[in-house]
């Protein structure tokens, strides 16, 4: 049971870290920062950054 709880906690932490990276990346993009630079700074792939930006644009419309 302890191992299962550790796994759930770990997955929650990863999810939270990814959510924060997405928020940060979108803020950087709104400031006009280049996708390549954002990806390098938040340590997420350029493809993921571009996907987040595209998703955010659809929601904003």
PDB file of N, CA and C in Angstrom:
ATOM      1  N   UNK A   1       0.824  -1.197   0.000  1.00  0.00           N
ATOM      2  CA  UNK A   1       0.000   0.000   0.000  1.00  0.00           C
ATOM      3  C   UNK A   1       0.862   1.252   0.000  1.00  0.00           C
ATOM      4  N   UNK A   2       1.951   1.241   0.745  1.00  0.00           N
ATOM      5  CA  UNK A   2       2.826   2.401   0.840  1.00  0.00           C
ATOM      6  C   UNK A   2       3.404   2.749  -0.533  1.00  0.00           C
ATOM      7  N   UNK A   3       3.802   1.731  -1.288  1.00  0.00           N
ATOM      8  CA  UNK A   3       4.357   1.965  -2.625  1.00  0.00           C
ATOM      9  C   UNK A   3       3.318   2.619  -3.536  1.00  0.00           C
ATOM     10  N   UNK A   4       2.069   2.171  -3.438  1.00  0.00           N
ATOM     11  CA  UNK A   4       1.004   2.747  -4.257  1.00  0.00           C
ATOM     12  C   UNK A   4       0.778   4.212  -3.924  1.00  0.00           C
ATOM     13  N   UNK A   5       0.819   4.545  -2.645  1.00  0.00           N
ATOM     14  CA  UNK A   5       0.634   5.939  -2.227  1.00  0.00           C
ATOM     15  C   UNK A   5       1.791   6.813  -2.716  1.00  0.00           C
ATOM     16  N   UNK A   6       3.010   6.276  -2.667  1.00  0.00           N
ATOM     17  CA  UNK A   6       4.165   7.009  -3.170  1.00  0.00           C
ATOM     18  C   UNK A   6       4.026   7.272  -4.662  1.00  0.00           C
ATOM     19  N   UNK A   7       3.525   6.296  -5.394  1.00  0.00           N
ATOM     20  CA  UNK A   7       3.342   6.452  -6.836  1.00  0.00           C
ATOM     21  C   UNK A   7       2.285   7.511  -7.125  1.00  0.00           C
ATOM     22  N   UNK A   8       1.186   7.485  -6.406  1.00  0.00           N
ATOM     23  CA  UNK A   8       0.127   8.480  -6.592  1.00  0.00           C
ATOM     24  C   UNK A   8       0.657   9.876  -6.293  1.00  0.00           C
ATOM     25  N   UNK A   9       1.410  10.009  -5.207  1.00  0.00           N
ATOM     26  CA  UNK A   9       2.009  11.292  -4.833  1.00  0.00           C
ATOM     27  C   UNK A   9       2.963  11.775  -5.923  1.00  0.00           C
ATOM     28  N   UNK A  10       3.794  10.863  -6.411  1.00  0.00           N
ATOM     29  CA  UNK A  10       4.771  11.207  -7.444  1.00  0.00           C
ATOM     30  C   UNK A  10       4.078  11.674  -8.724  1.00  0.00           C
ATOM     31  N   UNK A  11       3.022  10.970  -9.122  1.00  0.00           N
ATOM     32  CA  UNK A  11       2.273  11.360 -10.318  1.00  0.00           C
ATOM     33  C   UNK A  11       1.614  12.720 -10.133  1.00  0.00           C
ATOM     34  N   UNK A  12       1.130  12.990  -8.945  1.00  0.00           N
ATOM     35  CA  UNK A  12       0.531  14.289  -8.649  1.00  0.00           C
ATOM     36  C   UNK A  12       1.545  15.407  -8.724  1.00  0.00           C
ATOM     37  N   UNK A  13       2.738  15.156  -8.223  1.00  0.00           N
ATOM     38  CA  UNK A  13       3.804  16.152  -8.276  1.00  0.00           C
ATOM     39  C   UNK A  13       4.193  16.443  -9.725  1.00  0.00           C
ATOM     40  N   UNK A  14       4.336  15.392 -10.529  1.00  0.00           N
ATOM     41  CA  UNK A  14       4.689  15.573 -11.935  1.00  0.00           C
ATOM     42  C   UNK A  14       3.614  16.367 -12.654  1.00  0.00           C
ATOM     43  N   UNK A  15       2.367  16.069 -12.370  1.00  0.00           N
ATOM     44  CA  UNK A  15       1.258  16.783 -12.986  1.00  0.00           C
ATOM     45  C   UNK A  15       1.292  18.254 -12.595  1.00  0.00           C
ATOM     46  N   UNK A  16       1.553  18.543 -11.346  1.00  0.00           N
ATOM     47  CA  UNK A  16       1.631  19.915 -10.870  1.00  0.00           C
ATOM     48  C   UNK A  16       2.790  20.679 -11.487  1.00  0.00           C
ATOM     49  N   UNK A  17       3.926  20.005 -11.624  1.00  0.00           N
ATOM     50  CA  UNK A  17       5.095  20.628 -12.234  1.00  0.00           C
ATOM     51  C   UNK A  17       4.834  20.940 -13.696  1.00  0.00           C
ATOM     52  N   UNK A  18       4.169  20.033 -14.393  1.00  0.00           N
ATOM     53  CA  UNK A  18       3.851  20.255 -15.799  1.00  0.00           C
ATOM     54  C   UNK A  18       2.861  21.405 -15.952  1.00  0.00           C
ATOM     55  N   UNK A  19       1.882  21.476 -15.052  1.00  0.00           N
ATOM     56  CA  UNK A  19       0.911  22.561 -15.088  1.00  0.00           C
ATOM     57  C   UNK A  19       1.614  23.908 -14.905  1.00  0.00           C
ATOM     58  N   UNK A  20       2.549  23.972 -13.980  1.00  0.00           N
ATOM     59  CA  UNK A  20       3.289  25.211 -13.729  1.00  0.00           C
ATOM     60  C   UNK A  20       4.159  25.563 -14.936  1.00  0.00           C
ATOM     61  N   UNK A  21       4.789  24.568 -15.553  1.00  0.00           N
ATOM     62  CA  UNK A  21       5.600  24.803 -16.750  1.00  0.00           C
ATOM     63  C   UNK A  21       4.735  25.367 -17.870  1.00  0.00           C
ATOM     64  N   UNK A  22       3.514  24.840 -18.004  1.00  0.00           N
ATOM     65  CA  UNK A  22       2.602  25.316 -19.045  1.00  0.00           C
ATOM     66  C   UNK A  22       2.209  26.762 -18.788  1.00  0.00           C
ATOM     67  N   UNK A  23       1.874  27.085 -17.548  1.00  0.00           N
ATOM     68  CA  UNK A  23       1.506  28.465 -17.205  1.00  0.00           C
ATOM     69  C   UNK A  23       2.658  29.420 -17.493  1.00  0.00           C
ATOM     70  N   UNK A  24       3.855  29.014 -17.114  1.00  0.00           N
ATOM     71  CA  UNK A  24       5.039  29.842 -17.333  1.00  0.00           C
ATOM     72  C   UNK A  24       5.290  30.017 -18.830  1.00  0.00           C
ATOM     73  N   UNK A  25       5.212  28.931 -19.577  1.00  0.00           N
ATOM     74  CA  UNK A  25       5.447  28.981 -21.022  1.00  0.00           C
ATOM     75  C   UNK A  25       4.441  29.902 -21.709  1.00  0.00           C
ATOM     76  N   UNK A  26       3.187  29.819 -21.322  1.00  0.00           N
ATOM     77  CA  UNK A  26       2.167  30.665 -21.943  1.00  0.00           C
ATOM     78  C   UNK A  26       2.394  32.140 -21.608  1.00  0.00           C
ATOM     79  N   UNK A  27       2.837  32.411 -20.407  1.00  0.00           N
ATOM     80  CA  UNK A  27       3.153  33.795 -20.030  1.00  0.00           C
ATOM     81  C   UNK A  27       4.313  34.326 -20.861  1.00  0.00           C
ATOM     82  N   UNK A  28       5.316  33.493 -21.045  1.00  0.00           N
ATOM     83  CA  UNK A  28       6.471  33.889 -21.854  1.00  0.00           C
ATOM     84  C   UNK A  28       6.051  34.148 -23.300  1.00  0.00           C
ATOM     85  N   UNK A  29       5.187  33.282 -23.822  1.00  0.00           N
ATOM     86  CA  UNK A  29       4.715  33.447 -25.198  1.00  0.00           C
ATOM     87  C   UNK A  29       3.919  34.741 -25.350  1.00  0.00           C
ATOM     88  N   UNK A  30       3.105  35.055 -24.352  1.00  0.00           N
ATOM     89  CA  UNK A  30       2.330  36.296 -24.397  1.00  0.00           C
ATOM     90  C   UNK A  30       3.236  37.526 -24.418  1.00  0.00           C
ATOM     91  N   UNK A  31       4.437  37.391 -23.849  1.00  0.00           N
ATOM     92  CA  UNK A  31       5.414  38.481 -23.844  1.00  0.00           C
ATOM     93  C   UNK A  31       6.227  38.516 -25.133  1.00  0.00           C
ATOM     94  N   UNK A  32       5.928  37.585 -26.047  1.00  0.00           N
ATOM     95  CA  UNK A  32       6.591  37.583 -27.350  1.00  0.00           C
ATOM     96  C   UNK A  32       7.869  36.770 -27.428  1.00  0.00           C
ATOM     97  N   UNK A  33       8.115  35.941 -26.432  1.00  0.00           N
ATOM     98  CA  UNK A  33       9.334  35.135 -26.424  1.00  0.00           C
ATOM     99  C   UNK A  33       9.220  34.007 -27.453  1.00  0.00           C
ATOM    100  N   UNK A  34      10.328  33.674 -28.069  1.00  0.00           N
ATOM    101  CA  UNK A  34      10.427  32.635 -29.082  1.00  0.00           C
ATOM    102  C   UNK A  34      10.175  31.243 -28.482  1.00  0.00           C
ATOM    103  N   UNK A  35       9.472  30.395 -29.219  1.00  0.00           N
ATOM    104  CA  UNK A  35       9.132  29.039 -28.759  1.00  0.00           C
ATOM    105  C   UNK A  35      10.384  28.251 -28.398  1.00  0.00           C
ATOM    106  N   UNK A  36      11.418  28.365 -29.198  1.00  0.00           N
ATOM    107  CA  UNK A  36      12.658  27.623 -28.942  1.00  0.00           C
ATOM    108  C   UNK A  36      13.264  28.029 -27.598  1.00  0.00           C
ATOM    109  N   UNK A  37      13.262  29.313 -27.317  1.00  0.00           N
ATOM    110  CA  UNK A  37      13.822  29.806 -26.059  1.00  0.00           C
ATOM    111  C   UNK A  37      12.952  29.373 -24.876  1.00  0.00           C
ATOM    112  N   UNK A  38      11.634  29.447 -25.033  1.00  0.00           N
ATOM    113  CA  UNK A  38      10.714  29.017 -23.970  1.00  0.00           C
ATOM    114  C   UNK A  38      10.970  27.546 -23.647  1.00  0.00           C
ATOM    115  N   UNK A  39      11.060  26.716 -24.676  1.00  0.00           N
ATOM    116  CA  UNK A  39      11.270  25.279 -24.488  1.00  0.00           C
ATOM    117  C   UNK A  39      12.557  25.015 -23.712  1.00  0.00           C
ATOM    118  N   UNK A  40      13.590  25.743 -24.047  1.00  0.00           N
ATOM    119  CA  UNK A  40      14.874  25.558 -23.370  1.00  0.00           C
ATOM    120  C   UNK A  40      14.778  25.972 -21.901  1.00  0.00           C
ATOM    121  N   UNK A  41      14.087  27.072 -21.624  1.00  0.00           N
ATOM    122  CA  UNK A  41      14.016  27.582 -20.260  1.00  0.00           C
ATOM    123  C   UNK A  41      13.122  26.752 -19.345  1.00  0.00           C
ATOM    124  N   UNK A  42      11.999  26.269 -19.866  1.00  0.00           N
ATOM    125  CA  UNK A  42      11.093  25.487 -19.014  1.00  0.00           C
ATOM    126  C   UNK A  42      11.349  23.975 -19.115  1.00  0.00           C
ATOM    127  N   UNK A  43      12.308  23.605 -19.984  1.00  0.00           N
ATOM    128  CA  UNK A  43      12.720  22.206 -20.144  1.00  0.00           C
ATOM    129  C   UNK A  43      11.569  21.303 -20.595  1.00  0.00           C
ATOM    130  N   UNK A  44      10.892  21.776 -21.642  1.00  0.00           N
ATOM    131  CA  UNK A  44       9.801  21.031 -22.276  1.00  0.00           C
ATOM    132  C   UNK A  44      10.055  21.106 -23.775  1.00  0.00           C
ATOM    133  N   UNK A  45       9.622  20.117 -24.527  1.00  0.00           N
ATOM    134  CA  UNK A  45       9.886  20.092 -25.962  1.00  0.00           C
ATOM    135  C   UNK A  45       9.205  21.265 -26.678  1.00  0.00           C
ATOM    136  N   UNK A  46       9.819  21.684 -27.779  1.00  0.00           N
ATOM    137  CA  UNK A  46       9.249  22.769 -28.592  1.00  0.00           C
ATOM    138  C   UNK A  46       7.857  22.388 -29.087  1.00  0.00           C
ATOM    139  N   UNK A  47       7.668  21.118 -29.434  1.00  0.00           N
ATOM    140  CA  UNK A  47       6.361  20.661 -29.918  1.00  0.00           C
ATOM    141  C   UNK A  47       5.283  20.848 -28.852  1.00  0.00           C
ATOM    142  N   UNK A  48       5.615  20.504 -27.603  1.00  0.00           N
ATOM    143  CA  UNK A  48       4.649  20.670 -26.517  1.00  0.00           C
ATOM    144  C   UNK A  48       4.338  22.147 -26.287  1.00  0.00           C
ATOM    145  N   UNK A  49       5.372  22.981 -26.328  1.00  0.00           N
ATOM    146  CA  UNK A  49       5.167  24.411 -26.140  1.00  0.00           C
ATOM    147  C   UNK A  49       4.235  24.950 -27.217  1.00  0.00           C
ATOM    148  N   UNK A  50       4.502  24.574 -28.467  1.00  0.00           N
ATOM    149  CA  UNK A  50       3.670  25.063 -29.569  1.00  0.00           C
ATOM    150  C   UNK A  50       2.235  24.562 -29.432  1.00  0.00           C
ATOM    151  N   UNK A  51       2.073  23.315 -28.992  1.00  0.00           N
ATOM    152  CA  UNK A  51       0.730  22.753 -28.783  1.00  0.00           C
ATOM    153  C   UNK A  51      -0.020  23.557 -27.728  1.00  0.00           C
ATOM    154  N   UNK A  52       0.666  23.882 -26.613  1.00  0.00           N
ATOM    155  CA  UNK A  52       0.038  24.667 -25.547  1.00  0.00           C
ATOM    156  C   UNK A  52      -0.371  26.040 -26.056  1.00  0.00           C
ATOM    157  N   UNK A  53       0.495  26.658 -26.844  1.00  0.00           N
ATOM    158  CA  UNK A  53       0.193  27.990 -27.387  1.00  0.00           C
ATOM    159  C   UNK A  53      -1.018  27.902 -28.310  1.00  0.00           C
ATOM    160  N   UNK A  54      -1.029  26.903 -29.184  1.00  0.00           N
ATOM    161  CA  UNK A  54      -2.150  26.726 -30.115  1.00  0.00           C
ATOM    162  C   UNK A  54      -3.457  26.475 -29.357  1.00  0.00           C
ATOM    163  N   UNK A  55      -3.401  25.639 -28.325  1.00  0.00           N
ATOM    164  CA  UNK A  55      -4.595  25.367 -27.513  1.00  0.00           C
ATOM    165  C   UNK A  55      -5.082  26.634 -26.831  1.00  0.00           C
ATOM    166  N   UNK A  56      -4.162  27.411 -26.330  1.00  0.00           N
ATOM    167  CA  UNK A  56      -4.504  28.650 -25.631  1.00  0.00           C
ATOM    168  C   UNK A  56      -5.123  29.656 -26.596  1.00  0.00           C
ATOM    169  N   UNK A  57      -4.647  29.688 -27.834  1.00  0.00           N
ATOM    170  CA  UNK A  57      -5.197  30.600 -28.841  1.00  0.00           C
ATOM    171  C   UNK A  57      -6.652  30.226 -29.148  1.00  0.00           C
ATOM    172  N   UNK A  58      -6.936  28.932 -29.231  1.00  0.00           N
ATOM    173  CA  UNK A  58      -8.292  28.468 -29.515  1.00  0.00           C
ATOM    174  C   UNK A  58      -9.238  28.840 -28.393  1.00  0.00           C
ATOM    175  N   UNK A  59      -8.796  28.737 -27.165  1.00  0.00           N
ATOM    176  CA  UNK A  59      -9.621  29.061 -26.002  1.00  0.00           C
ATOM    177  C   UNK A  59      -9.866  30.569 -25.933  1.00  0.00           C
ATOM    178  N   UNK A  60      -8.863  31.351 -26.314  1.00  0.00           N
ATOM    179  CA  UNK A  60      -8.945  32.802 -26.216  1.00  0.00           C
ATOM    180  C   UNK A  60      -9.911  33.394 -27.253  1.00  0.00           C
ATOM    181  N   UNK A  61     -10.146  32.691 -28.348  1.00  0.00           N
ATOM    182  CA  UNK A  61     -11.007  33.223 -29.414  1.00  0.00           C
ATOM    183  C   UNK A  61     -12.455  33.221 -29.050  1.00  0.00           C
TER     184      UNK A  61
END
